[in-house]
Amino acid sequence: MNLSNAAVKTQENWQPVCQAHDLVADSGVVVWLDGVQVALFYLPGLEQSLYAVDNRDPRSGANIIGRGLVGSLQGELVVAAPLYKQHFSLQSGECLEDAGQRLRVWPVRMNGQAVELSVA
């Protein structure tokens, strides 16, 4: 495969899910992507300011992660699940209190004013 085909393939993997003005600083918003709710967290002022994780809490089964509080715990950026207060890494999706729980994580980026998730 030549480089131009690789570049086109990469571009096709990104799907716009909302606009920059839809994001709320230091908080979460939820978007719909291919039948799945994804929680987006916008943390301005950090080197990586956008994070995307599954909105479904693996412990309760409720779609509430986007309503969780964002903070830092053990040097890790986390979101606290609203019901049972377990902490999930925004980077990896791992639960700090229970290695058996995890959130799916999506690559996310800003492309102009569009917020895009990788669907690859």
N, C-alpha and C. Protein backbone atom coordinates (compact mmCIF):
# COMPACT_ATOMS: atom_id res chain seq x y z
N MET A 1 0.85 -1.18 0.00
CA MET A 1 0.00 0.00 0.00
C MET A 1 0.89 1.23 0.00
N ASN A 2 0.57 2.23 -0.82
CA ASN A 2 1.39 3.44 -0.84
C ASN A 2 0.92 4.41 0.25
N LEU A 3 1.73 5.44 0.50
CA LEU A 3 1.43 6.37 1.59
C LEU A 3 0.13 7.13 1.39
N SER A 4 -0.19 7.49 0.17
CA SER A 4 -1.43 8.25 -0.04
C SER A 4 -2.65 7.41 0.32
N ASN A 5 -2.63 6.11 0.04
CA ASN A 5 -3.75 5.25 0.44
C ASN A 5 -3.83 5.13 1.95
N ALA A 6 -2.67 5.06 2.63
CA ALA A 6 -2.66 4.96 4.08
C ALA A 6 -3.26 6.22 4.70
N ALA A 7 -2.91 7.38 4.14
CA ALA A 7 -3.45 8.64 4.67
C ALA A 7 -4.95 8.71 4.49
N VAL A 8 -5.45 8.28 3.33
CA VAL A 8 -6.89 8.30 3.09
C VAL A 8 -7.60 7.35 4.05
N LYS A 9 -7.03 6.17 4.25
CA LYS A 9 -7.64 5.19 5.17
C LYS A 9 -7.72 5.76 6.58
N THR A 10 -6.67 6.43 7.05
CA THR A 10 -6.67 7.02 8.38
C THR A 10 -7.76 8.07 8.50
N GLN A 11 -7.92 8.93 7.50
CA GLN A 11 -8.93 9.97 7.55
C GLN A 11 -10.33 9.37 7.60
N GLU A 12 -10.55 8.27 6.95
CA GLU A 12 -11.87 7.65 6.92
C GLU A 12 -12.26 7.05 8.27
N ASN A 13 -11.28 6.84 9.16
CA ASN A 13 -11.56 6.24 10.46
C ASN A 13 -12.11 7.23 11.47
N TRP A 14 -12.10 8.52 11.19
CA TRP A 14 -12.56 9.54 12.12
C TRP A 14 -13.98 9.95 11.77
N GLN A 15 -14.82 10.03 12.81
CA GLN A 15 -16.22 10.39 12.61
C GLN A 15 -16.56 11.58 13.51
N PRO A 16 -17.11 12.66 12.94
CA PRO A 16 -17.51 13.79 13.78
C PRO A 16 -18.69 13.40 14.67
N VAL A 17 -18.64 13.81 15.94
CA VAL A 17 -19.71 13.48 16.88
C VAL A 17 -20.37 14.71 17.51
N CYS A 18 -19.66 15.83 17.50
CA CYS A 18 -20.23 17.08 18.01
C CYS A 18 -19.31 18.22 17.60
N GLN A 19 -19.63 19.41 18.05
CA GLN A 19 -18.82 20.59 17.78
C GLN A 19 -18.15 21.07 19.06
N ALA A 20 -17.08 21.83 18.92
CA ALA A 20 -16.33 22.33 20.07
C ALA A 20 -17.24 23.09 21.04
N HIS A 21 -18.20 23.85 20.53
CA HIS A 21 -19.07 24.63 21.41
C HIS A 21 -20.02 23.74 22.22
N ASP A 22 -20.13 22.45 21.88
CA ASP A 22 -20.95 21.52 22.66
C ASP A 22 -20.25 21.02 23.92
N LEU A 23 -18.93 21.16 23.98
CA LEU A 23 -18.15 20.67 25.12
C LEU A 23 -18.30 21.61 26.31
N VAL A 24 -18.19 21.05 27.50
CA VAL A 24 -18.25 21.82 28.74
C VAL A 24 -16.91 21.63 29.45
N ALA A 25 -16.23 22.74 29.73
CA ALA A 25 -14.92 22.67 30.36
C ALA A 25 -14.98 21.94 31.70
N ASP A 26 -14.02 21.04 31.91
CA ASP A 26 -13.86 20.29 33.17
C ASP A 26 -15.08 19.44 33.51
N SER A 27 -15.76 18.98 32.48
CA SER A 27 -16.98 18.19 32.68
C SER A 27 -17.17 17.25 31.50
N GLY A 28 -18.22 16.44 31.58
CA GLY A 28 -18.50 15.48 30.52
C GLY A 28 -19.77 15.81 29.76
N VAL A 29 -19.78 15.42 28.50
CA VAL A 29 -20.97 15.43 27.66
C VAL A 29 -21.05 14.06 27.01
N VAL A 30 -22.23 13.66 26.62
CA VAL A 30 -22.41 12.33 26.05
C VAL A 30 -22.84 12.46 24.59
N VAL A 31 -22.21 11.65 23.74
CA VAL A 31 -22.55 11.60 22.31
C VAL A 31 -22.91 10.17 21.94
N TRP A 32 -23.53 10.03 20.81
CA TRP A 32 -23.97 8.73 20.29
C TRP A 32 -23.04 8.37 19.14
N LEU A 33 -22.46 7.17 19.17
CA LEU A 33 -21.57 6.71 18.11
C LEU A 33 -21.88 5.26 17.79
N ASP A 34 -22.44 5.02 16.63
CA ASP A 34 -22.73 3.66 16.17
C ASP A 34 -23.45 2.82 17.21
N GLY A 35 -24.49 3.38 17.82
CA GLY A 35 -25.29 2.64 18.78
C GLY A 35 -24.73 2.59 20.19
N VAL A 36 -23.67 3.33 20.47
CA VAL A 36 -23.03 3.32 21.79
C VAL A 36 -22.96 4.75 22.32
N GLN A 37 -23.23 4.90 23.61
CA GLN A 37 -23.06 6.20 24.25
C GLN A 37 -21.60 6.36 24.67
N VAL A 38 -21.00 7.49 24.27
CA VAL A 38 -19.61 7.79 24.59
C VAL A 38 -19.57 9.09 25.40
N ALA A 39 -18.87 9.06 26.53
CA ALA A 39 -18.70 10.25 27.37
C ALA A 39 -17.43 10.97 26.94
N LEU A 40 -17.57 12.25 26.60
CA LEU A 40 -16.43 13.09 26.23
C LEU A 40 -16.12 14.01 27.40
N PHE A 41 -14.85 14.09 27.76
CA PHE A 41 -14.42 14.98 28.82
C PHE A 41 -13.43 15.98 28.24
N TYR A 42 -13.72 17.26 28.46
CA TYR A 42 -12.89 18.36 27.96
C TYR A 42 -12.20 19.02 29.14
N LEU A 43 -10.87 18.92 29.16
CA LEU A 43 -10.07 19.46 30.26
C LEU A 43 -9.07 20.47 29.70
N PRO A 44 -9.53 21.71 29.47
CA PRO A 44 -8.64 22.71 28.87
C PRO A 44 -7.44 23.00 29.77
N GLY A 45 -6.34 23.36 29.15
CA GLY A 45 -5.14 23.68 29.90
C GLY A 45 -4.19 22.51 30.08
N LEU A 46 -4.63 21.32 29.73
CA LEU A 46 -3.75 20.15 29.81
C LEU A 46 -3.18 19.86 28.43
N GLU A 47 -2.05 19.16 28.40
CA GLU A 47 -1.44 18.80 27.13
C GLU A 47 -2.43 18.01 26.27
N GLN A 48 -3.05 17.01 26.84
CA GLN A 48 -4.15 16.30 26.17
C GLN A 48 -5.43 16.78 26.85
N SER A 49 -6.27 17.47 26.10
CA SER A 49 -7.44 18.09 26.73
C SER A 49 -8.75 17.35 26.47
N LEU A 50 -8.76 16.38 25.56
CA LEU A 50 -9.98 15.63 25.25
C LEU A 50 -9.81 14.15 25.55
N TYR A 51 -10.83 13.57 26.17
CA TYR A 51 -10.85 12.15 26.48
C TYR A 51 -12.22 11.60 26.12
N ALA A 52 -12.25 10.36 25.66
CA ALA A 52 -13.52 9.71 25.30
C ALA A 52 -13.53 8.30 25.88
N VAL A 53 -14.55 8.03 26.71
CA VAL A 53 -14.70 6.72 27.34
C VAL A 53 -16.15 6.28 27.23
N ASP A 54 -16.37 4.99 27.44
CA ASP A 54 -17.72 4.43 27.45
C ASP A 54 -18.56 5.13 28.51
N ASN A 55 -19.80 5.47 28.17
CA ASN A 55 -20.69 6.11 29.13
C ASN A 55 -21.35 5.10 30.07
N ARG A 56 -21.27 3.83 29.75
CA ARG A 56 -21.93 2.79 30.54
C ARG A 56 -21.03 2.35 31.70
N ASP A 57 -21.53 2.50 32.91
CA ASP A 57 -20.82 2.09 34.12
C ASP A 57 -20.83 0.56 34.19
N PRO A 58 -19.67 -0.10 34.19
CA PRO A 58 -19.66 -1.57 34.18
C PRO A 58 -20.23 -2.20 35.46
N ARG A 59 -20.21 -1.49 36.56
CA ARG A 59 -20.71 -2.06 37.82
C ARG A 59 -22.23 -1.98 37.91
N SER A 60 -22.80 -0.82 37.60
CA SER A 60 -24.24 -0.64 37.73
C SER A 60 -25.00 -0.93 36.44
N GLY A 61 -24.32 -0.82 35.31
CA GLY A 61 -24.97 -0.99 34.01
C GLY A 61 -25.69 0.27 33.54
N ALA A 62 -25.64 1.33 34.34
CA ALA A 62 -26.32 2.58 33.99
C ALA A 62 -25.42 3.43 33.09
N ASN A 63 -26.03 4.16 32.19
CA ASN A 63 -25.30 5.08 31.30
C ASN A 63 -25.14 6.43 32.01
N ILE A 64 -24.10 6.53 32.86
CA ILE A 64 -23.95 7.71 33.71
C ILE A 64 -22.52 8.23 33.84
N ILE A 65 -21.56 7.62 33.22
CA ILE A 65 -20.16 8.03 33.40
C ILE A 65 -19.96 9.50 33.01
N GLY A 66 -20.65 9.97 31.99
CA GLY A 66 -20.53 11.35 31.56
C GLY A 66 -20.95 12.36 32.61
N ARG A 67 -21.65 11.91 33.65
CA ARG A 67 -22.07 12.79 34.75
C ARG A 67 -21.11 12.72 35.92
N GLY A 68 -20.04 11.92 35.79
CA GLY A 68 -19.09 11.75 36.88
C GLY A 68 -18.20 12.96 37.07
N LEU A 69 -17.59 13.04 38.25
CA LEU A 69 -16.65 14.11 38.55
C LEU A 69 -15.26 13.75 38.07
N VAL A 70 -14.58 14.72 37.51
CA VAL A 70 -13.23 14.53 36.98
C VAL A 70 -12.23 15.04 38.01
N GLY A 71 -11.13 14.31 38.17
CA GLY A 71 -10.09 14.72 39.10
C GLY A 71 -8.82 13.93 38.88
N SER A 72 -7.94 13.99 39.86
CA SER A 72 -6.68 13.26 39.80
C SER A 72 -6.57 12.39 41.04
N LEU A 73 -6.20 11.13 40.84
CA LEU A 73 -6.06 10.19 41.94
C LEU A 73 -4.84 9.32 41.66
N GLN A 74 -3.94 9.25 42.60
CA GLN A 74 -2.71 8.47 42.44
C GLN A 74 -1.95 8.88 41.18
N GLY A 75 -1.97 10.18 40.87
CA GLY A 75 -1.26 10.71 39.71
C GLY A 75 -1.93 10.44 38.38
N GLU A 76 -3.15 9.98 38.42
CA GLU A 76 -3.88 9.59 37.21
C GLU A 76 -5.13 10.47 37.06
N LEU A 77 -5.38 10.98 35.84
CA LEU A 77 -6.63 11.69 35.57
C LEU A 77 -7.75 10.67 35.56
N VAL A 78 -8.80 10.91 36.34
CA VAL A 78 -9.87 9.94 36.49
C VAL A 78 -11.24 10.61 36.41
N VAL A 79 -12.23 9.78 36.18
CA VAL A 79 -13.62 10.16 36.36
C VAL A 79 -14.19 9.22 37.42
N ALA A 80 -14.93 9.80 38.38
CA ALA A 80 -15.56 9.01 39.44
C ALA A 80 -16.97 8.65 38.99
N ALA A 81 -17.28 7.37 38.97
CA ALA A 81 -18.61 6.91 38.59
C ALA A 81 -19.62 7.43 39.61
N PRO A 82 -20.73 8.03 39.16
CA PRO A 82 -21.68 8.65 40.07
C PRO A 82 -22.33 7.72 41.10
N LEU A 83 -22.60 6.47 40.76
CA LEU A 83 -23.32 5.60 41.70
C LEU A 83 -22.43 4.98 42.76
N TYR A 84 -21.40 4.26 42.34
CA TYR A 84 -20.58 3.52 43.30
C TYR A 84 -19.22 4.15 43.56
N LYS A 85 -18.96 5.28 42.90
CA LYS A 85 -17.77 6.10 43.15
C LYS A 85 -16.44 5.44 42.78
N GLN A 86 -16.47 4.37 41.98
CA GLN A 86 -15.20 3.82 41.53
C GLN A 86 -14.57 4.81 40.55
N HIS A 87 -13.24 4.80 40.49
CA HIS A 87 -12.50 5.76 39.68
C HIS A 87 -11.92 5.08 38.45
N PHE A 88 -12.18 5.67 37.28
CA PHE A 88 -11.69 5.13 36.02
C PHE A 88 -10.69 6.10 35.40
N SER A 89 -9.56 5.55 34.94
CA SER A 89 -8.55 6.35 34.25
C SER A 89 -9.14 6.86 32.94
N LEU A 90 -8.99 8.16 32.69
CA LEU A 90 -9.45 8.72 31.42
C LEU A 90 -8.54 8.29 30.27
N GLN A 91 -7.30 7.96 30.59
CA GLN A 91 -6.33 7.55 29.58
C GLN A 91 -6.53 6.10 29.14
N SER A 92 -6.67 5.20 30.11
CA SER A 92 -6.69 3.76 29.79
C SER A 92 -8.06 3.11 29.98
N GLY A 93 -8.94 3.75 30.75
CA GLY A 93 -10.24 3.16 31.05
C GLY A 93 -10.23 2.21 32.23
N GLU A 94 -9.05 1.94 32.80
CA GLU A 94 -8.94 0.99 33.92
C GLU A 94 -9.56 1.56 35.19
N CYS A 95 -10.18 0.70 35.97
CA CYS A 95 -10.72 1.07 37.27
C CYS A 95 -9.60 0.96 38.31
N LEU A 96 -9.38 2.02 39.08
CA LEU A 96 -8.30 2.01 40.06
C LEU A 96 -8.59 1.10 41.24
N GLU A 97 -9.86 0.89 41.56
CA GLU A 97 -10.21 0.06 42.71
C GLU A 97 -10.45 -1.41 42.36
N ASP A 98 -10.74 -1.70 41.09
CA ASP A 98 -11.10 -3.08 40.71
C ASP A 98 -10.58 -3.35 39.30
N ALA A 99 -9.51 -4.10 39.20
CA ALA A 99 -8.89 -4.39 37.90
C ALA A 99 -9.83 -5.13 36.95
N GLY A 100 -10.89 -5.72 37.46
CA GLY A 100 -11.85 -6.44 36.63
C GLY A 100 -12.84 -5.53 35.93
N GLN A 101 -12.84 -4.25 36.28
CA GLN A 101 -13.74 -3.30 35.64
C GLN A 101 -12.93 -2.38 34.74
N ARG A 102 -13.52 -2.04 33.60
CA ARG A 102 -12.82 -1.19 32.64
C ARG A 102 -13.84 -0.52 31.75
N LEU A 103 -13.51 0.70 31.32
CA LEU A 103 -14.29 1.42 30.33
C LEU A 103 -13.56 1.35 28.99
N ARG A 104 -14.31 1.22 27.92
CA ARG A 104 -13.70 1.32 26.60
C ARG A 104 -13.25 2.76 26.39
N VAL A 105 -12.11 2.93 25.73
CA VAL A 105 -11.55 4.25 25.44
C VAL A 105 -11.46 4.42 23.93
N TRP A 106 -11.84 5.61 23.44
CA TRP A 106 -11.75 5.92 22.02
C TRP A 106 -10.71 7.01 21.80
N PRO A 107 -9.94 6.93 20.71
CA PRO A 107 -9.12 8.07 20.31
C PRO A 107 -10.05 9.22 19.94
N VAL A 108 -9.72 10.42 20.38
CA VAL A 108 -10.56 11.59 20.14
C VAL A 108 -9.67 12.75 19.73
N ARG A 109 -10.19 13.62 18.88
CA ARG A 109 -9.41 14.78 18.45
C ARG A 109 -10.36 15.92 18.05
N MET A 110 -9.76 17.12 17.99
CA MET A 110 -10.44 18.28 17.43
C MET A 110 -9.93 18.43 16.00
N ASN A 111 -10.84 18.62 15.09
CA ASN A 111 -10.49 18.87 13.69
C ASN A 111 -11.23 20.14 13.31
N GLY A 112 -10.53 21.27 13.44
CA GLY A 112 -11.21 22.56 13.32
C GLY A 112 -12.14 22.70 14.50
N GLN A 113 -13.42 22.90 14.25
CA GLN A 113 -14.42 23.00 15.32
C GLN A 113 -15.13 21.67 15.58
N ALA A 114 -14.83 20.66 14.78
CA ALA A 114 -15.48 19.35 14.93
C ALA A 114 -14.71 18.48 15.93
N VAL A 115 -15.45 17.82 16.81
CA VAL A 115 -14.88 16.81 17.70
C VAL A 115 -15.09 15.49 17.01
N GLU A 116 -14.01 14.72 16.84
CA GLU A 116 -14.08 13.47 16.10
C GLU A 116 -13.58 12.30 16.94
N LEU A 117 -14.22 11.16 16.75
CA LEU A 117 -13.79 9.91 17.39
C LEU A 117 -13.31 8.96 16.31
N SER A 118 -12.29 8.19 16.63
CA SER A 118 -11.83 7.15 15.71
C SER A 118 -12.74 5.94 15.83
N VAL A 119 -13.22 5.46 14.71
CA VAL A 119 -14.11 4.32 14.71
C VAL A 119 -13.42 3.06 14.24
N ALA A 120 -12.11 3.10 14.17
CA ALA A 120 -11.33 1.94 13.73
C ALA A 120 -11.22 0.92 14.81
